[in-house]
PDB file of N, CA and C in Angstrom:
ATOM      1  N   MET A   1       9.096  15.045  -8.814  1.00  0.00           N
ATOM      2  CA  MET A   1       8.125  13.983  -8.649  1.00  0.00           C
ATOM      3  C   MET A   1       7.070  14.433  -7.648  1.00  0.00           C
ATOM      4  N   TYR A   2       5.852  13.986  -7.858  1.00  0.00           N
ATOM      5  CA  TYR A   2       4.717  14.354  -7.044  1.00  0.00           C
ATOM      6  C   TYR A   2       4.827  13.747  -5.651  1.00  0.00           C
ATOM      7  N   LYS A   3       4.641  14.585  -4.644  1.00  0.00           N
ATOM      8  CA  LYS A   3       4.564  14.108  -3.271  1.00  0.00           C
ATOM      9  C   LYS A   3       3.354  14.762  -2.633  1.00  0.00           C
ATOM     10  N   LYS A   4       2.454  13.958  -2.167  1.00  0.00           N
ATOM     11  CA  LYS A   4       1.275  14.510  -1.515  1.00  0.00           C
ATOM     12  C   LYS A   4       1.626  14.955  -0.101  1.00  0.00           C
ATOM     13  N   HIS A   5       2.382  14.135   0.601  1.00  0.00           N
ATOM     14  CA  HIS A   5       2.816  14.454   1.956  1.00  0.00           C
ATOM     15  C   HIS A   5       4.296  14.122   2.087  1.00  0.00           C
ATOM     16  N   THR A   6       4.961  14.802   2.999  1.00  0.00           N
ATOM     17  CA  THR A   6       6.400  14.615   3.172  1.00  0.00           C
ATOM     18  C   THR A   6       6.696  13.478   4.146  1.00  0.00           C
ATOM     19  N   GLU A   7       7.948  13.062   4.153  1.00  0.00           N
ATOM     20  CA  GLU A   7       8.369  12.031   5.102  1.00  0.00           C
ATOM     21  C   GLU A   7       8.216  12.515   6.535  1.00  0.00           C
ATOM     22  N   GLU A   8       8.439  13.807   6.761  1.00  0.00           N
ATOM     23  CA  GLU A   8       8.306  14.358   8.108  1.00  0.00           C
ATOM     24  C   GLU A   8       6.868  14.242   8.604  1.00  0.00           C
ATOM     25  N   GLU A   9       5.907  14.498   7.716  1.00  0.00           N
ATOM     26  CA  GLU A   9       4.501  14.365   8.104  1.00  0.00           C
ATOM     27  C   GLU A   9       4.178  12.922   8.480  1.00  0.00           C
ATOM     28  N   TRP A  10       4.693  11.992   7.695  1.00  0.00           N
ATOM     29  CA  TRP A  10       4.436  10.588   7.999  1.00  0.00           C
ATOM     30  C   TRP A  10       5.179  10.151   9.260  1.00  0.00           C
ATOM     31  N   ALA A  11       6.370  10.678   9.491  1.00  0.00           N
ATOM     32  CA  ALA A  11       7.110  10.348  10.709  1.00  0.00           C
ATOM     33  C   ALA A  11       6.366  10.865  11.934  1.00  0.00           C
ATOM     34  N   THR A  12       5.775  12.057  11.817  1.00  0.00           N
ATOM     35  CA  THR A  12       4.970  12.607  12.909  1.00  0.00           C
ATOM     36  C   THR A  12       3.770  11.708  13.177  1.00  0.00           C
ATOM     37  N   ALA A  13       3.125  11.254  12.119  1.00  0.00           N
ATOM     38  CA  ALA A  13       1.971  10.364  12.271  1.00  0.00           C
ATOM     39  C   ALA A  13       2.382   9.063  12.951  1.00  0.00           C
ATOM     40  N   TYR A  14       3.523   8.515  12.546  1.00  0.00           N
ATOM     41  CA  TYR A  14       3.985   7.261  13.144  1.00  0.00           C
ATOM     42  C   TYR A  14       4.349   7.467  14.612  1.00  0.00           C
ATOM     43  N   LYS A  15       4.971   8.595  14.924  1.00  0.00           N
ATOM     44  CA  LYS A  15       5.332   8.899  16.312  1.00  0.00           C
ATOM     45  C   LYS A  15       4.076   8.994  17.174  1.00  0.00           C
ATOM     46  N   LEU A  16       3.060   9.683  16.668  1.00  0.00           N
ATOM     47  CA  LEU A  16       1.797   9.788  17.403  1.00  0.00           C
ATOM     48  C   LEU A  16       1.173   8.405  17.593  1.00  0.00           C
ATOM     49  N   HIS A  17       1.266   7.584  16.573  1.00  0.00           N
ATOM     50  CA  HIS A  17       0.734   6.221  16.660  1.00  0.00           C
ATOM     51  C   HIS A  17       1.458   5.430  17.751  1.00  0.00           C
ATOM     52  N   MET A  18       2.772   5.559  17.807  1.00  0.00           N
ATOM     53  CA  MET A  18       3.554   4.844  18.817  1.00  0.00           C
ATOM     54  C   MET A  18       3.295   5.379  20.224  1.00  0.00           C
ATOM     55  N   GLU A  19       2.864   6.636  20.319  1.00  0.00           N
ATOM     56  CA  GLU A  19       2.535   7.218  21.622  1.00  0.00           C
ATOM     57  C   GLU A  19       1.142   6.806  22.095  1.00  0.00           C
ATOM     58  N   GLY A  20       0.409   6.086  21.258  1.00  0.00           N
ATOM     59  CA  GLY A  20      -0.881   5.569  21.680  1.00  0.00           C
ATOM     60  C   GLY A  20      -2.091   6.283  21.108  1.00  0.00           C
ATOM     61  N   TYR A  21      -1.875   7.258  20.245  1.00  0.00           N
ATOM     62  CA  TYR A  21      -3.006   7.941  19.619  1.00  0.00           C
ATOM     63  C   TYR A  21      -3.682   6.991  18.637  1.00  0.00           C
ATOM     64  N   ASP A  22      -5.004   7.094  18.547  1.00  0.00           N
ATOM     65  CA  ASP A  22      -5.708   6.275  17.566  1.00  0.00           C
ATOM     66  C   ASP A  22      -5.696   6.978  16.212  1.00  0.00           C
ATOM     67  N   SER A  23      -6.031   6.239  15.174  1.00  0.00           N
ATOM     68  CA  SER A  23      -5.948   6.769  13.807  1.00  0.00           C
ATOM     69  C   SER A  23      -6.815   8.005  13.569  1.00  0.00           C
ATOM     70  N   PRO A  24      -8.072   8.057  14.067  1.00  0.00           N
ATOM     71  CA  PRO A  24      -8.861   9.283  13.863  1.00  0.00           C
ATOM     72  C   PRO A  24      -8.219  10.518  14.504  1.00  0.00           C
ATOM     73  N   SER A  25      -7.613  10.341  15.674  1.00  0.00           N
ATOM     74  CA  SER A  25      -6.940  11.473  16.327  1.00  0.00           C
ATOM     75  C   SER A  25      -5.729  11.928  15.519  1.00  0.00           C
ATOM     76  N   ILE A  26      -4.972  10.976  15.010  1.00  0.00           N
ATOM     77  CA  ILE A  26      -3.809  11.309  14.186  1.00  0.00           C
ATOM     78  C   ILE A  26      -4.259  12.048  12.940  1.00  0.00           C
ATOM     79  N   SER A  27      -5.349  11.603  12.366  1.00  0.00           N
ATOM     80  CA  SER A  27      -5.883  12.249  11.166  1.00  0.00           C
ATOM     81  C   SER A  27      -6.251  13.702  11.439  1.00  0.00           C
ATOM     82  N   ARG A  28      -6.893  13.942  12.560  1.00  0.00           N
ATOM     83  CA  ARG A  28      -7.269  15.321  12.910  1.00  0.00           C
ATOM     84  C   ARG A  28      -6.043  16.191  13.181  1.00  0.00           C
ATOM     85  N   LEU A  29      -5.042  15.628  13.849  1.00  0.00           N
ATOM     86  CA  LEU A  29      -3.860  16.410  14.213  1.00  0.00           C
ATOM     87  C   LEU A  29      -2.944  16.703  13.026  1.00  0.00           C
ATOM     88  N   THR A  30      -2.847  15.773  12.095  1.00  0.00           N
ATOM     89  CA  THR A  30      -1.879  15.914  11.004  1.00  0.00           C
ATOM     90  C   THR A  30      -2.496  16.258   9.655  1.00  0.00           C
ATOM     91  N   ARG A  31      -3.821  16.204   9.559  1.00  0.00           N
ATOM     92  CA  ARG A  31      -4.542  16.465   8.296  1.00  0.00           C
ATOM     93  C   ARG A  31      -4.249  15.416   7.224  1.00  0.00           C
ATOM     94  N   LEU A  32      -3.868  14.226   7.666  1.00  0.00           N
ATOM     95  CA  LEU A  32      -3.674  13.108   6.745  1.00  0.00           C
ATOM     96  C   LEU A  32      -4.969  12.298   6.709  1.00  0.00           C
ATOM     97  N   GLU A  33      -5.238  11.654   5.580  1.00  0.00           N
ATOM     98  CA  GLU A  33      -6.454  10.858   5.463  1.00  0.00           C
ATOM     99  C   GLU A  33      -6.365   9.609   6.332  1.00  0.00           C
ATOM    100  N   LEU A  34      -7.487   9.265   6.938  1.00  0.00           N
ATOM    101  CA  LEU A  34      -7.543   8.145   7.872  1.00  0.00           C
ATOM    102  C   LEU A  34      -7.109   6.828   7.228  1.00  0.00           C
ATOM    103  N   SER A  35      -7.632   6.516   6.059  1.00  0.00           N
ATOM    104  CA  SER A  35      -7.277   5.249   5.405  1.00  0.00           C
ATOM    105  C   SER A  35      -5.803   5.229   5.015  1.00  0.00           C
ATOM    106  N   GLU A  36      -5.279   6.382   4.617  1.00  0.00           N
ATOM    107  CA  GLU A  36      -3.861   6.470   4.255  1.00  0.00           C
ATOM    108  C   GLU A  36      -2.971   6.261   5.475  1.00  0.00           C
ATOM    109  N   ILE A  37      -3.395   6.780   6.623  1.00  0.00           N
ATOM    110  CA  ILE A  37      -2.605   6.615   7.845  1.00  0.00           C
ATOM    111  C   ILE A  37      -2.436   5.136   8.168  1.00  0.00           C
ATOM    112  N   LYS A  38      -3.535   4.418   8.175  1.00  0.00           N
ATOM    113  CA  LYS A  38      -3.474   2.990   8.510  1.00  0.00           C
ATOM    114  C   LYS A  38      -2.595   2.228   7.524  1.00  0.00           C
ATOM    115  N   ARG A  39      -2.760   2.513   6.240  1.00  0.00           N
ATOM    116  CA  ARG A  39      -2.011   1.792   5.210  1.00  0.00           C
ATOM    117  C   ARG A  39      -0.522   2.122   5.265  1.00  0.00           C
ATOM    118  N   HIS A  40      -0.176   3.398   5.409  1.00  0.00           N
ATOM    119  CA  HIS A  40       1.237   3.791   5.432  1.00  0.00           C
ATOM    120  C   HIS A  40       1.956   3.257   6.668  1.00  0.00           C
ATOM    121  N   ILE A  41       1.287   3.283   7.802  1.00  0.00           N
ATOM    122  CA  ILE A  41       1.922   2.767   9.013  1.00  0.00           C
ATOM    123  C   ILE A  41       2.169   1.267   8.876  1.00  0.00           C
ATOM    124  N   ARG A  42       1.200   0.542   8.313  1.00  0.00           N
ATOM    125  CA  ARG A  42       1.367  -0.899   8.101  1.00  0.00           C
ATOM    126  C   ARG A  42       2.525  -1.172   7.142  1.00  0.00           C
ATOM    127  N   LEU A  43       2.601  -0.407   6.048  1.00  0.00           N
ATOM    128  CA  LEU A  43       3.696  -0.588   5.094  1.00  0.00           C
ATOM    129  C   LEU A  43       5.042  -0.238   5.716  1.00  0.00           C
ATOM    130  N   TYR A  44       5.078   0.815   6.536  1.00  0.00           N
ATOM    131  CA  TYR A  44       6.332   1.206   7.173  1.00  0.00           C
ATOM    132  C   TYR A  44       6.819   0.109   8.121  1.00  0.00           C
ATOM    133  N   ARG A  45       5.896  -0.487   8.858  1.00  0.00           N
ATOM    134  CA  ARG A  45       6.286  -1.565   9.771  1.00  0.00           C
ATOM    135  C   ARG A  45       6.883  -2.749   9.013  1.00  0.00           C
ATOM    136  N   GLN A  46       6.349  -3.038   7.834  1.00  0.00           N
ATOM    137  CA  GLN A  46       6.814  -4.195   7.076  1.00  0.00           C
ATOM    138  C   GLN A  46       8.098  -3.931   6.307  1.00  0.00           C
ATOM    139  N   THR A  47       8.255  -2.713   5.777  1.00  0.00           N
ATOM    140  CA  THR A  47       9.405  -2.438   4.922  1.00  0.00           C
ATOM    141  C   THR A  47      10.460  -1.563   5.580  1.00  0.00           C
ATOM    142  N   GLY A  48      10.066  -0.758   6.564  1.00  0.00           N
ATOM    143  CA  GLY A  48      10.991   0.164   7.203  1.00  0.00           C
ATOM    144  C   GLY A  48      11.259   1.419   6.391  1.00  0.00           C
ATOM    145  N   VAL A  49      10.479   1.635   5.318  1.00  0.00           N
ATOM    146  CA  VAL A  49      10.671   2.787   4.437  1.00  0.00           C
ATOM    147  C   VAL A  49       9.339   3.501   4.267  1.00  0.00           C
ATOM    148  N   TRP A  50       9.384   4.830   4.353  1.00  0.00           N
ATOM    149  CA  TRP A  50       8.178   5.616   4.077  1.00  0.00           C
ATOM    150  C   TRP A  50       8.048   5.781   2.579  1.00  0.00           C
ATOM    151  N   GLN A  51       6.954   5.314   2.021  1.00  0.00           N
ATOM    152  CA  GLN A  51       6.732   5.444   0.585  1.00  0.00           C
ATOM    153  C   GLN A  51       5.954   6.727   0.328  1.00  0.00           C
ATOM    154  N   THR A  52       6.684   7.825   0.156  1.00  0.00           N
ATOM    155  CA  THR A  52       6.043   9.127  -0.029  1.00  0.00           C
ATOM    156  C   THR A  52       5.969   9.535  -1.486  1.00  0.00           C
ATOM    157  N   GLU A  53       6.730   8.895  -2.344  1.00  0.00           N
ATOM    158  CA  GLU A  53       6.703   9.241  -3.764  1.00  0.00           C
ATOM    159  C   GLU A  53       5.822   8.265  -4.518  1.00  0.00           C
ATOM    160  N   ARG A  54       5.213   8.761  -5.566  1.00  0.00           N
ATOM    161  CA  ARG A  54       4.408   7.895  -6.414  1.00  0.00           C
ATOM    162  C   ARG A  54       5.333   6.959  -7.180  1.00  0.00           C
ATOM    163  N   LYS A  55       4.838   5.793  -7.449  1.00  0.00           N
ATOM    164  CA  LYS A  55       5.617   4.840  -8.234  1.00  0.00           C
ATOM    165  C   LYS A  55       5.530   5.222  -9.705  1.00  0.00           C
ATOM    166  N   LYS A  56       6.602   4.987 -10.440  1.00  0.00           N
ATOM    167  CA  LYS A  56       6.615   5.287 -11.868  1.00  0.00           C
ATOM    168  C   LYS A  56       5.706   4.318 -12.604  1.00  0.00           C
ATOM    169  N   ASN A  57       5.136   4.798 -13.686  1.00  0.00           N
ATOM    170  CA  ASN A  57       4.294   3.938 -14.505  1.00  0.00           C
ATOM    171  C   ASN A  57       5.174   2.991 -15.306  1.00  0.00           C
ATOM    172  N   VAL A  58       5.196   1.759 -14.894  1.00  0.00           N
ATOM    173  CA  VAL A  58       5.988   0.735 -15.557  1.00  0.00           C
ATOM    174  C   VAL A  58       5.033  -0.375 -15.973  1.00  0.00           C
ATOM    175  N   ARG A  59       5.151  -0.799 -17.201  1.00  0.00           N
ATOM    176  CA  ARG A  59       4.306  -1.883 -17.686  1.00  0.00           C
ATOM    177  C   ARG A  59       4.663  -3.165 -16.947  1.00  0.00           C
ATOM    178  N   SER A  60       3.673  -3.786 -16.365  1.00  0.00           N
ATOM    179  CA  SER A  60       3.915  -5.044 -15.667  1.00  0.00           C
ATOM    180  C   SER A  60       3.659  -6.207 -16.618  1.00  0.00           C
ATOM    181  N   THR A  61       4.373  -7.260 -16.389  1.00  0.00           N
ATOM    182  CA  THR A  61       4.211  -8.442 -17.231  1.00  0.00           C
ATOM    183  C   THR A  61       3.044  -9.274 -16.707  1.00  0.00           C
ATOM    184  N   PRO A  62       2.455 -10.071 -17.568  1.00  0.00           N
ATOM    185  CA  PRO A  62       1.395 -10.968 -17.096  1.00  0.00           C
ATOM    186  C   PRO A  62       1.879 -11.913 -15.991  1.00  0.00           C
ATOM    187  N   ALA A  63       3.141 -12.299 -16.051  1.00  0.00           N
ATOM    188  CA  ALA A  63       3.690 -13.190 -15.021  1.00  0.00           C
ATOM    189  C   ALA A  63       3.719 -12.497 -13.660  1.00  0.00           C
ATOM    190  N   LEU A  64       4.082 -11.211 -13.643  1.00  0.00           N
ATOM    191  CA  LEU A  64       4.092 -10.460 -12.387  1.00  0.00           C
ATOM    192  C   LEU A  64       2.680 -10.324 -11.836  1.00  0.00           C
ATOM    193  N   ARG A  65       1.727 -10.004 -12.699  1.00  0.00           N
ATOM    194  CA  ARG A  65       0.336  -9.865 -12.262  1.00  0.00           C
ATOM    195  C   ARG A  65      -0.179 -11.176 -11.675  1.00  0.00           C
ATOM    196  N   LYS A  66       0.120 -12.276 -12.363  1.00  0.00           N
ATOM    197  CA  LYS A  66      -0.330 -13.591 -11.886  1.00  0.00           C
ATOM    198  C   LYS A  66       0.328 -13.926 -10.550  1.00  0.00           C
ATOM    199  N   ALA A  67       1.615 -13.640 -10.418  1.00  0.00           N
ATOM    200  CA  ALA A  67       2.326 -13.933  -9.170  1.00  0.00           C
ATOM    201  C   ALA A  67       1.763 -13.116  -8.012  1.00  0.00           C
ATOM    202  N   ALA A  68       1.453 -11.847  -8.256  1.00  0.00           N
ATOM    203  CA  ALA A  68       0.906 -10.997  -7.201  1.00  0.00           C
ATOM    204  C   ALA A  68      -0.487 -11.467  -6.788  1.00  0.00           C
ATOM    205  N   VAL A  69      -1.313 -11.803  -7.760  1.00  0.00           N
ATOM    206  CA  VAL A  69      -2.662 -12.302  -7.455  1.00  0.00           C
ATOM    207  C   VAL A  69      -2.576 -13.620  -6.695  1.00  0.00           C
ATOM    208  N   ASP A  70      -1.696 -14.516  -7.125  1.00  0.00           N
ATOM    209  CA  ASP A  70      -1.524 -15.795  -6.433  1.00  0.00           C
ATOM    210  C   ASP A  70      -1.015 -15.602  -5.011  1.00  0.00           C
ATOM    211  N   ALA A  71      -0.161 -14.606  -4.807  1.00  0.00           N
ATOM    212  CA  ALA A  71       0.361 -14.344  -3.464  1.00  0.00           C
ATOM    213  C   ALA A  71      -0.772 -13.987  -2.507  1.00  0.00           C
ATOM    214  N   VAL A  72      -1.724 -13.211  -2.992  1.00  0.00           N
ATOM    215  CA  VAL A  72      -2.849 -12.817  -2.137  1.00  0.00           C
ATOM    216  C   VAL A  72      -3.812 -13.981  -1.944  1.00  0.00           C
ATOM    217  N   LEU A  73      -4.159 -14.655  -3.032  1.00  0.00           N
ATOM    218  CA  LEU A  73      -5.208 -15.669  -2.963  1.00  0.00           C
ATOM    219  C   LEU A  73      -4.723 -17.036  -2.487  1.00  0.00           C
ATOM    220  N   LYS A  74      -3.573 -17.482  -2.953  1.00  0.00           N
ATOM    221  CA  LYS A  74      -3.109 -18.833  -2.626  1.00  0.00           C
ATOM    222  C   LYS A  74      -2.158 -18.874  -1.438  1.00  0.00           C
ATOM    223  N   GLU A  75      -1.305 -17.844  -1.316  1.00  0.00           N
ATOM    224  CA  GLU A  75      -0.350 -17.815  -0.205  1.00  0.00           C
ATOM    225  C   GLU A  75      -0.905 -17.068   0.999  1.00  0.00           C
ATOM    226  N   SER A  76      -2.083 -16.474   0.850  1.00  0.00           N
ATOM    227  CA  SER A  76      -2.764 -15.733   1.921  1.00  0.00           C
ATOM    228  C   SER A  76      -1.942 -14.564   2.452  1.00  0.00           C
ATOM    229  N   LEU A  77      -1.186 -13.909   1.574  1.00  0.00           N
ATOM    230  CA  LEU A  77      -0.474 -12.704   1.983  1.00  0.00           C
ATOM    231  C   LEU A  77      -1.459 -11.536   2.013  1.00  0.00           C
ATOM    232  N   SER A  78      -1.224 -10.597   2.894  1.00  0.00           N
ATOM    233  CA  SER A  78      -2.073  -9.409   2.932  1.00  0.00           C
ATOM    234  C   SER A  78      -1.720  -8.511   1.751  1.00  0.00           C
ATOM    235  N   TYR A  79      -2.583  -7.537   1.494  1.00  0.00           N
ATOM    236  CA  TYR A  79      -2.298  -6.582   0.422  1.00  0.00           C
ATOM    237  C   TYR A  79      -0.970  -5.885   0.693  1.00  0.00           C
ATOM    238  N   ALA A  80      -0.760  -5.461   1.938  1.00  0.00           N
ATOM    239  CA  ALA A  80       0.456  -4.721   2.283  1.00  0.00           C
ATOM    240  C   ALA A  80       1.702  -5.574   2.081  1.00  0.00           C
ATOM    241  N   GLU A  81       1.640  -6.844   2.470  1.00  0.00           N
ATOM    242  CA  GLU A  81       2.786  -7.734   2.288  1.00  0.00           C
ATOM    243  C   GLU A  81       3.080  -7.952   0.807  1.00  0.00           C
ATOM    244  N   THR A  82       2.025  -8.089   0.014  1.00  0.00           N
ATOM    245  CA  THR A  82       2.197  -8.308  -1.420  1.00  0.00           C
ATOM    246  C   THR A  82       2.767  -7.071  -2.096  1.00  0.00           C
ATOM    247  N   VAL A  83       2.262  -5.898  -1.711  1.00  0.00           N
ATOM    248  CA  VAL A  83       2.766  -4.637  -2.269  1.00  0.00           C
ATOM    249  C   VAL A  83       4.249  -4.486  -1.960  1.00  0.00           C
ATOM    250  N   ALA A  84       4.637  -4.806  -0.730  1.00  0.00           N
ATOM    251  CA  ALA A  84       6.043  -4.693  -0.346  1.00  0.00           C
ATOM    252  C   ALA A  84       6.901  -5.746  -1.053  1.00  0.00           C
ATOM    253  N   LYS A  85       6.391  -6.964  -1.165  1.00  0.00           N
ATOM    254  CA  LYS A  85       7.162  -8.059  -1.765  1.00  0.00           C
ATOM    255  C   LYS A  85       7.437  -7.824  -3.246  1.00  0.00           C
ATOM    256  N   TYR A  86       6.438  -7.348  -3.980  1.00  0.00           N
ATOM    257  CA  TYR A  86       6.570  -7.185  -5.428  1.00  0.00           C
ATOM    258  C   TYR A  86       6.813  -5.741  -5.850  1.00  0.00           C
ATOM    259  N   ASP A  87       6.938  -4.829  -4.882  1.00  0.00           N
ATOM    260  CA  ASP A  87       7.181  -3.409  -5.152  1.00  0.00           C
ATOM    261  C   ASP A  87       6.127  -2.846  -6.114  1.00  0.00           C
ATOM    262  N   LEU A  88       4.869  -3.014  -5.727  1.00  0.00           N
ATOM    263  CA  LEU A  88       3.736  -2.549  -6.518  1.00  0.00           C
ATOM    264  C   LEU A  88       3.069  -1.375  -5.834  1.00  0.00           C
ATOM    265  N   SER A  89       2.163  -0.753  -6.542  1.00  0.00           N
ATOM    266  CA  SER A  89       1.312   0.228  -5.889  1.00  0.00           C
ATOM    267  C   SER A  89       0.075  -0.500  -5.381  1.00  0.00           C
ATOM    268  N   PHE A  90      -0.486   0.023  -4.325  1.00  0.00           N
ATOM    269  CA  PHE A  90      -1.670  -0.561  -3.710  1.00  0.00           C
ATOM    270  C   PHE A  90      -2.828  -0.597  -4.705  1.00  0.00           C
ATOM    271  N   CYS A  91      -2.978   0.476  -5.471  1.00  0.00           N
ATOM    272  CA  CYS A  91      -4.093   0.580  -6.424  1.00  0.00           C
ATOM    273  C   CYS A  91      -3.982  -0.458  -7.538  1.00  0.00           C
ATOM    274  N   CYS A  92      -2.774  -0.699  -8.040  1.00  0.00           N
ATOM    275  CA  CYS A  92      -2.595  -1.705  -9.095  1.00  0.00           C
ATOM    276  C   CYS A  92      -3.008  -3.084  -8.601  1.00  0.00           C
ATOM    277  N   LEU A  93      -2.594  -3.420  -7.403  1.00  0.00           N
ATOM    278  CA  LEU A  93      -2.934  -4.729  -6.865  1.00  0.00           C
ATOM    279  C   LEU A  93      -4.447  -4.876  -6.723  1.00  0.00           C
ATOM    280  N   LYS A  94      -5.105  -3.836  -6.238  1.00  0.00           N
ATOM    281  CA  LYS A  94      -6.565  -3.887  -6.116  1.00  0.00           C
ATOM    282  C   LYS A  94      -7.229  -4.089  -7.472  1.00  0.00           C
ATOM    283  N   LYS A  95      -6.744  -3.386  -8.493  1.00  0.00           N
ATOM    284  CA  LYS A  95      -7.315  -3.520  -9.842  1.00  0.00           C
ATOM    285  C   LYS A  95      -7.111  -4.929 -10.386  1.00  0.00           C
ATOM    286  N   TRP A  96      -5.914  -5.479 -10.193  1.00  0.00           N
ATOM    287  CA  TRP A  96      -5.630  -6.821 -10.696  1.00  0.00           C
ATOM    288  C   TRP A  96      -6.519  -7.857 -10.021  1.00  0.00           C
ATOM    289  N   LEU A  97      -6.718  -7.716  -8.712  1.00  0.00           N
ATOM    290  CA  LEU A  97      -7.575  -8.665  -8.003  1.00  0.00           C
ATOM    291  C   LEU A  97      -9.025  -8.545  -8.461  1.00  0.00           C
ATOM    292  N   ARG A  98      -9.474  -7.334  -8.703  1.00  0.00           N
ATOM    293  CA  ARG A  98     -10.837  -7.123  -9.194  1.00  0.00           C
ATOM    294  C   ARG A  98     -11.003  -7.771 -10.568  1.00  0.00           C
ATOM    295  N   LYS A  99     -10.021  -7.563 -11.444  1.00  0.00           N
ATOM    296  CA  LYS A  99     -10.081  -8.162 -12.780  1.00  0.00           C
ATOM    297  C   LYS A  99     -10.053  -9.688 -12.695  1.00  0.00           C
ATOM    298  N   TYR A 100      -9.214 -10.227 -11.816  1.00  0.00           N
ATOM    299  CA  TYR A 100      -9.126 -11.680 -11.665  1.00  0.00           C
ATOM    300  C   TYR A 100     -10.459 -12.250 -11.187  1.00  0.00           C
ATOM    301  N   ARG A 101     -11.060 -11.599 -10.203  1.00  0.00           N
ATOM    302  CA  ARG A 101     -12.339 -12.088  -9.672  1.00  0.00           C
ATOM    303  C   ARG A 101     -13.450 -11.992 -10.707  1.00  0.00           C
ATOM    304  N   HIS A 102     -13.332 -11.060 -11.626  1.00  0.00           N
ATOM    305  CA  HIS A 102     -14.349 -10.889 -12.661  1.00  0.00           C
ATOM    306  C   HIS A 102     -14.208 -11.923 -13.771  1.00  0.00           C
ATOM    307  N   GLY A 103     -12.969 -12.181 -14.211  1.00  0.00           N
ATOM    308  CA  GLY A 103     -12.810 -13.058 -15.369  1.00  0.00           C
ATOM    309  C   GLY A 103     -11.645 -14.010 -15.327  1.00  0.00           C
ATOM    310  N   GLY A 104     -11.008 -14.172 -14.196  1.00  0.00           N
ATOM    311  CA  GLY A 104      -9.889 -15.105 -14.105  1.00  0.00           C
ATOM    312  C   GLY A 104      -8.599 -14.509 -14.658  1.00  0.00           C
ATOM    313  N   TYR A 105      -7.627 -15.374 -14.900  1.00  0.00           N
ATOM    314  CA  TYR A 105      -6.314 -14.925 -15.360  1.00  0.00           C
ATOM    315  C   TYR A 105      -6.365 -14.284 -16.742  1.00  0.00           C
ATOM    316  N   GLU A 106      -7.358 -14.634 -17.530  1.00  0.00           N
ATOM    317  CA  GLU A 106      -7.470 -14.068 -18.878  1.00  0.00           C
ATOM    318  C   GLU A 106      -7.704 -12.559 -18.838  1.00  0.00           C
ATOM    319  N   GLU A 107      -8.353 -12.076 -17.789  1.00  0.00           N
ATOM    320  CA  GLU A 107      -8.635 -10.639 -17.659  1.00  0.00           C
ATOM    321  C   GLU A 107      -7.385  -9.834 -17.309  1.00  0.00           C
ATOM    322  N   LEU A 108      -6.398 -10.497 -16.714  1.00  0.00           N
ATOM    323  CA  LEU A 108      -5.187  -9.785 -16.320  1.00  0.00           C
ATOM    324  C   LEU A 108      -4.399  -9.417 -17.554  1.00  0.00           C
TER     325      LEU A 108
END
């Protein structure tokens, strides 16, 4: 399975974060992308697991898509909380929200 970065790399990034380094400094020291650092650390805090492997392509049901979109819009959950709650990829959730904002539930 594809792994862009290892758990050790992410653990190093988290350790640096806990030592007080800011995200740009961590990015320079570890060669990890800045946006990825912020997102992975937030997900690790919420789930306690480093998500280093890509998620398998699984067809989602319309009910799951609707529930995830409702969690963000109606329950005011953050993207990270929703991704952790429904075990989704960050990119899928972003796409579903974009489709919903464009055409409502029919677009999902």
